Amino acid sequence: MDDSALFERLRQGDQGAFDTLFRNWYAPLVRVAEALLRDRAAAEEVVQDVMLELWRRREQIVLQQPPRAYLIQSTRNRALNHLRRLKVEKRGEPRAAEQLIPPSAADARVTEQELDRAITNAIAELPTRCREVFELSRVRGLKYVEIAEVMGISVKTVEVQMGKALRILRERLAPWLPKGGSPTHRATS
């Protein structure tokens, strides 16, 4: 039975269809998530969440794409959300040393925080595909070939989207950059 038929049976509450989808897709989806997260346990958790949400929302799901694309996209989105959450948690960690910063260092820290905010905002404002390609490359350290595989696009499309992302970031961060500077070295921190 193909995935489209399984999804239709799933929408009708067929537990067996769900079990089959789970067995067929669990391992491939874990590989997709692990390529993004570089953490097997987190990847498995992400895929379990995707599958649980699939079961919970089974009656409301209307596929506008093939089931394979829906499952991979859902996994990618949840993995990227996981990465964003980790980044926010990391930034929120208490830092006792920062409380003892001398005044001259405090000014530099405020400027650095403003720059970090400008970078974060500029990245967040990128078109969706550009942002995803940029984050996979600069935040996760994936190669263009890996990004193409994870996103289901060609390497050439990855190159074009990365070029577009860097061009937009250079324009938006121009006030913060020295003449001829590049935003990519700061965006990875």
N, C-alpha and C. Protein backbone atom coordinates (compact mmCIF):
# COMPACT_ATOMS: atom_id res chain seq x y z
N MET A 1 0.85 -1.17 0.00
CA MET A 1 0.00 0.00 0.00
C MET A 1 0.90 1.24 0.00
N ASP A 2 0.59 2.23 -0.85
CA ASP A 2 1.44 3.41 -0.92
C ASP A 2 1.11 4.39 0.21
N ASP A 3 1.99 5.37 0.38
CA ASP A 3 1.87 6.32 1.50
C ASP A 3 0.59 7.14 1.42
N SER A 4 0.15 7.49 0.22
CA SER A 4 -1.08 8.28 0.09
C SER A 4 -2.28 7.50 0.62
N ALA A 5 -2.34 6.23 0.29
CA ALA A 5 -3.44 5.39 0.79
C ALA A 5 -3.33 5.24 2.31
N LEU A 6 -2.11 5.09 2.81
CA LEU A 6 -1.93 4.98 4.27
C LEU A 6 -2.36 6.27 4.97
N PHE A 7 -2.05 7.41 4.37
CA PHE A 7 -2.47 8.69 4.96
C PHE A 7 -3.99 8.79 4.98
N GLU A 8 -4.62 8.34 3.91
CA GLU A 8 -6.10 8.39 3.88
C GLU A 8 -6.69 7.50 4.96
N ARG A 9 -6.13 6.31 5.13
CA ARG A 9 -6.60 5.42 6.20
C ARG A 9 -6.30 6.02 7.57
N LEU A 10 -5.16 6.67 7.70
CA LEU A 10 -4.80 7.33 8.95
C LEU A 10 -5.83 8.41 9.30
N ARG A 11 -6.23 9.19 8.31
CA ARG A 11 -7.23 10.25 8.55
C ARG A 11 -8.53 9.68 9.10
N GLN A 12 -8.79 8.43 8.77
CA GLN A 12 -10.02 7.78 9.25
C GLN A 12 -9.79 7.09 10.60
N GLY A 13 -8.60 7.26 11.18
CA GLY A 13 -8.33 6.72 12.52
C GLY A 13 -7.78 5.31 12.53
N ASP A 14 -7.27 4.82 11.41
CA ASP A 14 -6.76 3.46 11.32
C ASP A 14 -5.38 3.37 11.98
N GLN A 15 -5.33 2.75 13.16
CA GLN A 15 -4.08 2.59 13.92
C GLN A 15 -3.06 1.77 13.13
N GLY A 16 -3.51 0.79 12.39
CA GLY A 16 -2.61 -0.04 11.59
C GLY A 16 -1.89 0.78 10.52
N ALA A 17 -2.61 1.73 9.91
CA ALA A 17 -1.99 2.59 8.91
C ALA A 17 -0.92 3.45 9.56
N PHE A 18 -1.22 3.96 10.75
CA PHE A 18 -0.24 4.76 11.48
C PHE A 18 1.00 3.92 11.80
N ASP A 19 0.78 2.71 12.30
CA ASP A 19 1.90 1.83 12.63
C ASP A 19 2.78 1.57 11.41
N THR A 20 2.16 1.35 10.26
CA THR A 20 2.91 1.11 9.03
C THR A 20 3.71 2.34 8.63
N LEU A 21 3.07 3.51 8.67
CA LEU A 21 3.79 4.75 8.37
C LEU A 21 4.97 4.95 9.32
N PHE A 22 4.73 4.68 10.59
CA PHE A 22 5.78 4.84 11.60
C PHE A 22 6.95 3.93 11.28
N ARG A 23 6.67 2.66 11.05
CA ARG A 23 7.74 1.69 10.75
C ARG A 23 8.49 2.07 9.47
N ASN A 24 7.76 2.49 8.44
CA ASN A 24 8.38 2.82 7.15
C ASN A 24 9.23 4.10 7.21
N TRP A 25 8.81 5.06 7.99
CA TRP A 25 9.41 6.39 7.94
C TRP A 25 10.29 6.75 9.14
N TYR A 26 10.23 6.00 10.21
CA TYR A 26 10.98 6.38 11.41
C TYR A 26 12.48 6.53 11.12
N ALA A 27 13.10 5.51 10.60
CA ALA A 27 14.55 5.54 10.37
C ALA A 27 14.96 6.62 9.36
N PRO A 28 14.28 6.75 8.21
CA PRO A 28 14.68 7.82 7.28
C PRO A 28 14.51 9.23 7.88
N LEU A 29 13.47 9.42 8.66
CA LEU A 29 13.25 10.73 9.27
C LEU A 29 14.28 11.01 10.37
N VAL A 30 14.69 9.98 11.08
CA VAL A 30 15.74 10.16 12.09
C VAL A 30 17.03 10.60 11.40
N ARG A 31 17.32 10.04 10.24
CA ARG A 31 18.54 10.44 9.50
C ARG A 31 18.46 11.91 9.09
N VAL A 32 17.28 12.35 8.64
CA VAL A 32 17.10 13.76 8.26
C VAL A 32 17.33 14.65 9.48
N ALA A 33 16.70 14.32 10.59
CA ALA A 33 16.83 15.13 11.81
C ALA A 33 18.26 15.09 12.34
N GLU A 34 18.89 13.93 12.28
CA GLU A 34 20.25 13.81 12.81
C GLU A 34 21.24 14.62 11.96
N ALA A 35 20.99 14.72 10.65
CA ALA A 35 21.86 15.54 9.80
C ALA A 35 21.81 17.00 10.24
N LEU A 36 20.66 17.43 10.71
CA LEU A 36 20.51 18.81 11.17
C LEU A 36 21.02 19.00 12.59
N LEU A 37 20.69 18.07 13.46
CA LEU A 37 20.96 18.23 14.89
C LEU A 37 22.32 17.70 15.32
N ARG A 38 22.83 16.74 14.57
CA ARG A 38 24.09 16.08 14.92
C ARG A 38 24.02 15.48 16.33
N ASP A 39 22.84 14.96 16.65
CA ASP A 39 22.60 14.36 17.96
C ASP A 39 21.52 13.30 17.77
N ARG A 40 21.91 12.04 17.86
CA ARG A 40 20.99 10.94 17.58
C ARG A 40 19.78 10.95 18.52
N ALA A 41 20.00 11.13 19.81
CA ALA A 41 18.90 11.11 20.77
C ALA A 41 17.91 12.24 20.49
N ALA A 42 18.43 13.43 20.21
CA ALA A 42 17.54 14.57 19.90
C ALA A 42 16.80 14.31 18.59
N ALA A 43 17.47 13.70 17.62
CA ALA A 43 16.83 13.39 16.34
C ALA A 43 15.67 12.41 16.54
N GLU A 44 15.89 11.39 17.35
CA GLU A 44 14.83 10.42 17.61
C GLU A 44 13.66 11.08 18.32
N GLU A 45 13.96 11.98 19.26
CA GLU A 45 12.89 12.70 19.97
C GLU A 45 12.08 13.57 19.00
N VAL A 46 12.78 14.24 18.10
CA VAL A 46 12.10 15.08 17.11
C VAL A 46 11.16 14.24 16.24
N VAL A 47 11.64 13.11 15.76
CA VAL A 47 10.82 12.26 14.90
C VAL A 47 9.64 11.69 15.68
N GLN A 48 9.85 11.31 16.92
CA GLN A 48 8.74 10.83 17.74
C GLN A 48 7.68 11.92 17.91
N ASP A 49 8.14 13.16 18.10
CA ASP A 49 7.19 14.29 18.20
C ASP A 49 6.42 14.48 16.90
N VAL A 50 7.13 14.37 15.77
CA VAL A 50 6.47 14.51 14.46
C VAL A 50 5.40 13.43 14.30
N MET A 51 5.75 12.20 14.64
CA MET A 51 4.80 11.10 14.47
C MET A 51 3.63 11.23 15.45
N LEU A 52 3.91 11.66 16.67
CA LEU A 52 2.84 11.87 17.64
C LEU A 52 1.88 12.95 17.15
N GLU A 53 2.44 14.04 16.63
CA GLU A 53 1.62 15.13 16.10
C GLU A 53 0.82 14.65 14.89
N LEU A 54 1.42 13.79 14.07
CA LEU A 54 0.71 13.22 12.93
C LEU A 54 -0.53 12.46 13.40
N TRP A 55 -0.38 11.67 14.45
CA TRP A 55 -1.52 10.92 14.99
C TRP A 55 -2.55 11.88 15.59
N ARG A 56 -2.10 12.85 16.34
CA ARG A 56 -3.04 13.79 16.99
C ARG A 56 -3.84 14.60 15.97
N ARG A 57 -3.18 15.00 14.89
CA ARG A 57 -3.83 15.88 13.91
C ARG A 57 -4.32 15.11 12.68
N ARG A 58 -4.39 13.81 12.77
CA ARG A 58 -4.70 12.98 11.61
C ARG A 58 -5.97 13.39 10.88
N GLU A 59 -6.99 13.83 11.61
CA GLU A 59 -8.27 14.17 10.97
C GLU A 59 -8.21 15.52 10.26
N GLN A 60 -7.32 16.40 10.69
CA GLN A 60 -7.23 17.73 10.09
C GLN A 60 -6.21 17.83 8.96
N ILE A 61 -5.35 16.85 8.83
CA ILE A 61 -4.27 16.94 7.84
C ILE A 61 -4.84 16.86 6.43
N VAL A 62 -4.51 17.88 5.65
CA VAL A 62 -4.85 17.90 4.24
C VAL A 62 -3.53 18.06 3.50
N LEU A 63 -3.14 17.03 2.80
CA LEU A 63 -1.84 17.05 2.13
C LEU A 63 -1.91 17.87 0.85
N GLN A 64 -1.01 18.82 0.74
CA GLN A 64 -0.88 19.62 -0.47
C GLN A 64 0.39 19.20 -1.23
N GLN A 65 1.01 18.16 -0.73
CA GLN A 65 2.26 17.65 -1.29
C GLN A 65 2.27 16.14 -1.07
N PRO A 66 3.20 15.43 -1.66
CA PRO A 66 3.27 13.99 -1.42
C PRO A 66 3.55 13.71 0.07
N PRO A 67 3.06 12.58 0.58
CA PRO A 67 3.29 12.24 1.99
C PRO A 67 4.76 12.29 2.38
N ARG A 68 5.65 11.81 1.50
CA ARG A 68 7.09 11.82 1.78
C ARG A 68 7.56 13.25 2.05
N ALA A 69 7.16 14.18 1.19
CA ALA A 69 7.57 15.58 1.35
C ALA A 69 7.00 16.17 2.63
N TYR A 70 5.76 15.82 2.94
CA TYR A 70 5.12 16.32 4.17
C TYR A 70 5.89 15.86 5.41
N LEU A 71 6.24 14.58 5.44
CA LEU A 71 6.95 14.04 6.60
C LEU A 71 8.35 14.62 6.74
N ILE A 72 9.07 14.75 5.62
CA ILE A 72 10.42 15.32 5.67
C ILE A 72 10.36 16.78 6.08
N GLN A 73 9.42 17.53 5.50
CA GLN A 73 9.29 18.95 5.84
C GLN A 73 8.93 19.12 7.32
N SER A 74 8.01 18.31 7.82
CA SER A 74 7.63 18.38 9.23
C SER A 74 8.82 18.09 10.13
N THR A 75 9.62 17.11 9.76
CA THR A 75 10.79 16.76 10.54
C THR A 75 11.83 17.88 10.50
N ARG A 76 12.08 18.41 9.32
CA ARG A 76 13.02 19.53 9.19
C ARG A 76 12.59 20.71 10.04
N ASN A 77 11.31 21.07 9.94
CA ASN A 77 10.80 22.22 10.70
C ASN A 77 10.96 22.00 12.20
N ARG A 78 10.60 20.81 12.65
CA ARG A 78 10.69 20.54 14.09
C ARG A 78 12.16 20.52 14.54
N ALA A 79 13.04 19.99 13.71
CA ALA A 79 14.48 19.98 14.05
C ALA A 79 15.02 21.41 14.11
N LEU A 80 14.64 22.24 13.15
CA LEU A 80 15.09 23.64 13.17
C LEU A 80 14.53 24.37 14.39
N ASN A 81 13.29 24.09 14.75
CA ASN A 81 12.72 24.69 15.96
C ASN A 81 13.50 24.24 17.19
N HIS A 82 13.91 22.99 17.20
CA HIS A 82 14.71 22.46 18.32
C HIS A 82 16.04 23.23 18.42
N LEU A 83 16.67 23.46 17.27
CA LEU A 83 17.92 24.22 17.26
C LEU A 83 17.72 25.65 17.76
N ARG A 84 16.64 26.27 17.33
CA ARG A 84 16.35 27.63 17.79
C ARG A 84 16.14 27.65 19.30
N ARG A 85 15.41 26.67 19.81
CA ARG A 85 15.15 26.59 21.25
C ARG A 85 16.47 26.42 22.01
N LEU A 86 17.36 25.58 21.50
CA LEU A 86 18.66 25.39 22.14
C LEU A 86 19.45 26.70 22.15
N LYS A 87 19.38 27.42 21.05
CA LYS A 87 20.10 28.69 20.96
C LYS A 87 19.56 29.69 21.98
N VAL A 88 18.24 29.75 22.12
CA VAL A 88 17.63 30.65 23.10
C VAL A 88 18.02 30.23 24.51
N GLU A 89 17.97 28.94 24.79
CA GLU A 89 18.35 28.45 26.12
C GLU A 89 19.80 28.78 26.43
N LYS A 90 20.66 28.62 25.44
CA LYS A 90 22.07 28.90 25.64
C LYS A 90 22.29 30.38 25.97
N ARG A 91 21.58 31.24 25.28
CA ARG A 91 21.70 32.67 25.54
C ARG A 91 21.14 33.04 26.91
N GLY A 92 20.19 32.27 27.39
CA GLY A 92 19.56 32.59 28.66
C GLY A 92 20.30 32.07 29.88
N GLU A 93 21.37 31.29 29.66
CA GLU A 93 22.12 30.74 30.78
C GLU A 93 22.71 31.88 31.60
N PRO A 94 22.61 31.76 32.93
CA PRO A 94 23.20 32.82 33.76
C PRO A 94 24.72 32.83 33.64
N ARG A 95 25.27 33.99 33.58
CA ARG A 95 26.72 34.13 33.47
C ARG A 95 27.19 35.05 34.60
N ALA A 96 27.72 34.45 35.63
CA ALA A 96 28.14 35.22 36.80
C ALA A 96 29.23 36.23 36.44
N ALA A 97 30.10 35.87 35.53
CA ALA A 97 31.20 36.77 35.17
C ALA A 97 30.68 38.07 34.57
N GLU A 98 29.57 38.02 33.84
CA GLU A 98 29.02 39.22 33.22
C GLU A 98 28.55 40.22 34.26
N GLN A 99 28.23 39.77 35.46
CA GLN A 99 27.77 40.67 36.50
C GLN A 99 28.92 41.48 37.07
N LEU A 100 30.16 41.07 36.83
CA LEU A 100 31.33 41.74 37.38
C LEU A 100 32.14 42.47 36.31
N ILE A 101 31.49 42.83 35.21
CA ILE A 101 32.19 43.47 34.09
C ILE A 101 32.58 44.91 34.47
N PRO A 102 33.84 45.30 34.27
CA PRO A 102 34.22 46.68 34.52
C PRO A 102 33.50 47.61 33.53
N PRO A 103 33.31 48.91 33.88
CA PRO A 103 32.55 49.83 33.04
C PRO A 103 33.00 49.89 31.58
N SER A 104 34.29 49.93 31.28
CA SER A 104 34.72 50.02 29.88
C SER A 104 34.34 48.76 29.10
N ALA A 105 34.42 47.62 29.74
CA ALA A 105 34.02 46.36 29.10
C ALA A 105 32.51 46.31 28.95
N ALA A 106 31.78 46.97 29.87
CA ALA A 106 30.32 46.99 29.80
C ALA A 106 29.86 47.70 28.53
N ASP A 107 30.53 48.80 28.16
CA ASP A 107 30.17 49.51 26.92
C ASP A 107 30.38 48.60 25.71
N ALA A 108 31.49 47.89 25.70
CA ALA A 108 31.77 46.97 24.59
C ALA A 108 30.72 45.86 24.56
N ARG A 109 30.31 45.40 25.73
CA ARG A 109 29.31 44.33 25.81
C ARG A 109 27.96 44.80 25.27
N VAL A 110 27.58 46.05 25.58
CA VAL A 110 26.32 46.60 25.07
C VAL A 110 26.37 46.68 23.54
N THR A 111 27.49 47.13 23.00
CA THR A 111 27.65 47.21 21.55
C THR A 111 27.58 45.81 20.95
N GLU A 112 28.22 44.85 21.60
CA GLU A 112 28.18 43.47 21.10
C GLU A 112 26.75 42.91 21.13
N GLN A 113 26.02 43.22 22.20
CA GLN A 113 24.62 42.76 22.28
C GLN A 113 23.77 43.39 21.19
N GLU A 114 24.00 44.67 20.92
CA GLU A 114 23.26 45.33 19.84
C GLU A 114 23.57 44.68 18.49
N LEU A 115 24.84 44.39 18.27
CA LEU A 115 25.24 43.73 17.03
C LEU A 115 24.62 42.34 16.94
N ASP A 116 24.66 41.59 18.04
CA ASP A 116 24.04 40.26 18.06
C ASP A 116 22.55 40.35 17.72
N ARG A 117 21.87 41.34 18.29
CA ARG A 117 20.45 41.53 17.99
C ARG A 117 20.23 41.87 16.52
N ALA A 118 21.09 42.75 15.99
CA ALA A 118 20.99 43.12 14.58
C ALA A 118 21.19 41.90 13.68
N ILE A 119 22.17 41.06 14.02
CA ILE A 119 22.42 39.84 13.24
C ILE A 119 21.24 38.89 13.34
N THR A 120 20.76 38.66 14.56
CA THR A 120 19.62 37.76 14.76
C THR A 120 18.40 38.25 13.98
N ASN A 121 18.13 39.55 14.06
CA ASN A 121 16.98 40.12 13.33
C ASN A 121 17.17 40.01 11.82
N ALA A 122 18.38 40.29 11.34
CA ALA A 122 18.64 40.22 9.91
C ALA A 122 18.46 38.79 9.40
N ILE A 123 18.93 37.82 10.17
CA ILE A 123 18.77 36.41 9.77
C ILE A 123 17.29 36.03 9.80
N ALA A 124 16.58 36.46 10.84
CA ALA A 124 15.15 36.13 10.96
C ALA A 124 14.34 36.73 9.83
N GLU A 125 14.78 37.86 9.28
CA GLU A 125 14.04 38.52 8.21
C GLU A 125 14.36 37.98 6.82
N LEU A 126 15.32 37.06 6.74
CA LEU A 126 15.62 36.46 5.44
C LEU A 126 14.41 35.69 4.93
N PRO A 127 14.24 35.59 3.61
CA PRO A 127 13.19 34.70 3.09
C PRO A 127 13.41 33.29 3.65
N THR A 128 12.34 32.56 3.85
CA THR A 128 12.38 31.27 4.54
C THR A 128 13.47 30.34 4.01
N ARG A 129 13.49 30.09 2.71
CA ARG A 129 14.46 29.14 2.17
C ARG A 129 15.89 29.66 2.35
N CYS A 130 16.10 30.95 2.13
CA CYS A 130 17.44 31.53 2.35
C CYS A 130 17.88 31.34 3.80
N ARG A 131 16.96 31.62 4.72
CA ARG A 131 17.29 31.50 6.14
C ARG A 131 17.65 30.06 6.49
N GLU A 132 16.85 29.11 5.99
CA GLU A 132 17.11 27.71 6.30
C GLU A 132 18.48 27.28 5.76
N VAL A 133 18.79 27.66 4.52
CA VAL A 133 20.08 27.32 3.93
C VAL A 133 21.20 27.96 4.74
N PHE A 134 21.05 29.23 5.07
CA PHE A 134 22.07 29.95 5.84
C PHE A 134 22.30 29.27 7.20
N GLU A 135 21.22 28.97 7.92
CA GLU A 135 21.36 28.36 9.24
C GLU A 135 22.00 26.97 9.16
N LEU A 136 21.59 26.20 8.16
CA LEU A 136 22.19 24.87 8.02
C LEU A 136 23.68 24.96 7.72
N SER A 137 24.06 25.96 6.94
CA SER A 137 25.47 26.12 6.59
C SER A 137 26.27 26.75 7.71
N ARG A 138 25.83 27.90 8.18
CA ARG A 138 26.65 28.67 9.11
C ARG A 138 26.44 28.29 10.58
N VAL A 139 25.24 27.86 10.94
CA VAL A 139 24.99 27.49 12.33
C VAL A 139 25.29 26.01 12.56
N ARG A 140 24.81 25.16 11.67
CA ARG A 140 24.99 23.72 11.85
C ARG A 140 26.27 23.20 11.19
N GLY A 141 26.86 23.98 10.30
CA GLY A 141 28.12 23.58 9.68
C GLY A 141 27.98 22.51 8.60
N LEU A 142 26.78 22.41 8.01
CA LEU A 142 26.59 21.41 6.95
C LEU A 142 27.21 21.89 5.64
N LYS A 143 27.68 20.94 4.85
CA LYS A 143 28.20 21.24 3.52
C LYS A 143 27.01 21.41 2.57
N TYR A 144 27.25 22.08 1.45
CA TYR A 144 26.17 22.35 0.49
C TYR A 144 25.49 21.05 0.03
N VAL A 145 26.27 20.00 -0.17
CA VAL A 145 25.71 18.71 -0.60
C VAL A 145 24.77 18.17 0.48
N GLU A 146 25.16 18.29 1.74
CA GLU A 146 24.33 17.82 2.84
C GLU A 146 23.05 18.66 2.95
N ILE A 147 23.18 19.96 2.77
CA ILE A 147 22.01 20.84 2.82
C ILE A 147 21.04 20.46 1.71
N ALA A 148 21.57 20.24 0.52
CA ALA A 148 20.72 19.87 -0.63
C ALA A 148 19.96 18.58 -0.31
N GLU A 149 20.64 17.62 0.29
CA GLU A 149 20.00 16.34 0.62
C GLU A 149 18.92 16.53 1.68
N VAL A 150 19.24 17.28 2.73
CA VAL A 150 18.29 17.49 3.82
C VAL A 150 17.05 18.24 3.34
N MET A 151 17.27 19.25 2.49
CA MET A 151 16.16 20.09 2.05
C MET A 151 15.47 19.55 0.80
N GLY A 152 16.06 18.56 0.17
CA GLY A 152 15.45 18.00 -1.03
C GLY A 152 15.53 18.95 -2.22
N ILE A 153 16.65 19.69 -2.32
CA ILE A 153 16.86 20.63 -3.42
C ILE A 153 18.22 20.35 -4.02
N SER A 154 18.52 21.00 -5.16
CA SER A 154 19.81 20.78 -5.81
C SER A 154 20.90 21.59 -5.12
N VAL A 155 22.14 21.18 -5.33
CA VAL A 155 23.28 21.90 -4.78
C VAL A 155 23.32 23.31 -5.37
N LYS A 156 22.98 23.43 -6.65
CA LYS A 156 22.95 24.74 -7.30
C LYS A 156 21.95 25.66 -6.61
N THR A 157 20.79 25.13 -6.23
CA THR A 157 19.79 25.94 -5.52
C THR A 157 20.33 26.36 -4.17
N VAL A 158 21.07 25.48 -3.50
CA VAL A 158 21.69 25.83 -2.22
C VAL A 158 22.67 26.98 -2.43
N GLU A 159 23.49 26.89 -3.48
CA GLU A 159 24.46 27.96 -3.77
C GLU A 159 23.77 29.29 -4.03
N VAL A 160 22.71 29.25 -4.83
CA VAL A 160 21.97 30.48 -5.15
C VAL A 160 21.35 31.08 -3.89
N GLN A 161 20.72 30.23 -3.07
CA GLN A 161 20.06 30.71 -1.86
C GLN A 161 21.08 31.26 -0.86
N MET A 162 22.25 30.62 -0.78
CA MET A 162 23.29 31.10 0.14
C MET A 162 23.82 32.44 -0.34
N GLY A 163 24.04 32.56 -1.63
CA GLY A 163 24.50 33.84 -2.18
C GLY A 163 23.50 34.95 -1.91
N LYS A 164 22.23 34.64 -2.09
CA LYS A 164 21.17 35.62 -1.83
C LYS A 164 21.16 36.00 -0.35
N ALA A 165 21.28 35.01 0.54
CA ALA A 165 21.27 35.27 1.99
C ALA A 165 22.44 36.17 2.37
N LEU A 166 23.62 35.87 1.87
CA LEU A 166 24.79 36.68 2.21
C LEU A 166 24.67 38.10 1.68
N ARG A 167 24.14 38.25 0.47
CA ARG A 167 23.95 39.58 -0.11
C ARG A 167 22.98 40.41 0.75
N ILE A 168 21.86 39.79 1.16
CA ILE A 168 20.87 40.49 1.99
C ILE A 168 21.47 40.85 3.34
N LEU A 169 22.20 39.92 3.94
CA LEU A 169 22.82 40.19 5.24
C LEU A 169 23.85 41.32 5.16
N ARG A 170 24.65 41.32 4.08
CA ARG A 170 25.63 42.41 3.92
C ARG A 170 24.92 43.76 3.84
N GLU A 171 23.80 43.81 3.12
CA GLU A 171 23.05 45.07 2.99
C GLU A 171 22.47 45.49 4.35
N ARG A 172 21.84 44.57 5.05
CA ARG A 172 21.17 44.91 6.30
C ARG A 172 22.14 45.19 7.45
N LEU A 173 23.32 44.60 7.37
CA LEU A 173 24.29 44.78 8.45
C LEU A 173 25.39 45.78 8.09
N ALA A 174 25.25 46.46 6.96
CA ALA A 174 26.27 47.41 6.51
C ALA A 174 26.67 48.42 7.58
N PRO A 175 25.73 48.98 8.36
CA PRO A 175 26.14 49.95 9.39
C PRO A 175 27.06 49.35 10.46
N TRP A 176 27.01 48.06 10.63
CA TRP A 176 27.80 47.40 11.68
C TRP A 176 29.14 46.88 11.17
N LEU A 177 29.30 46.82 9.87
CA LEU A 177 30.48 46.17 9.30
C LEU A 177 31.54 47.19 8.90
N PRO A 178 32.81 46.82 9.11
CA PRO A 178 33.88 47.68 8.59
C PRO A 178 33.84 47.60 7.06
N LYS A 179 34.43 48.54 6.42
CA LYS A 179 34.45 48.55 4.95
C LYS A 179 34.97 47.21 4.45
N GLY A 180 34.15 46.55 3.59
CA GLY A 180 34.54 45.26 3.04
C GLY A 180 34.34 44.11 4.00
N GLY A 181 33.62 44.32 5.11
CA GLY A 181 33.40 43.26 6.10
C GLY A 181 32.39 42.26 5.65
N SER A 182 32.33 41.17 6.36
CA SER A 182 31.39 40.10 6.06
C SER A 182 30.65 39.71 7.33
N PRO A 183 29.31 39.51 7.24
CA PRO A 183 28.54 39.15 8.42
C PRO A 183 28.69 37.71 8.85
N THR A 184 29.26 36.88 8.02
CA THR A 184 29.22 35.45 8.29
C THR A 184 30.07 35.04 9.48
N HIS A 185 31.15 35.76 9.77
CA HIS A 185 31.97 35.32 10.91
C HIS A 185 31.26 35.58 12.22
N ARG A 186 30.45 36.59 12.34
CA ARG A 186 29.73 36.87 13.58
C ARG A 186 28.47 36.02 13.71
N ALA A 187 27.86 35.70 12.58
CA ALA A 187 26.58 34.99 12.63
C ALA A 187 26.73 33.58 13.15
N THR A 188 27.93 33.05 13.15
CA THR A 188 28.09 31.67 13.61
C THR A 188 28.29 31.59 15.10
N SER A 189 28.49 32.71 15.78
CA SER A 189 28.70 32.65 17.23
C SER A 189 27.42 32.66 18.00
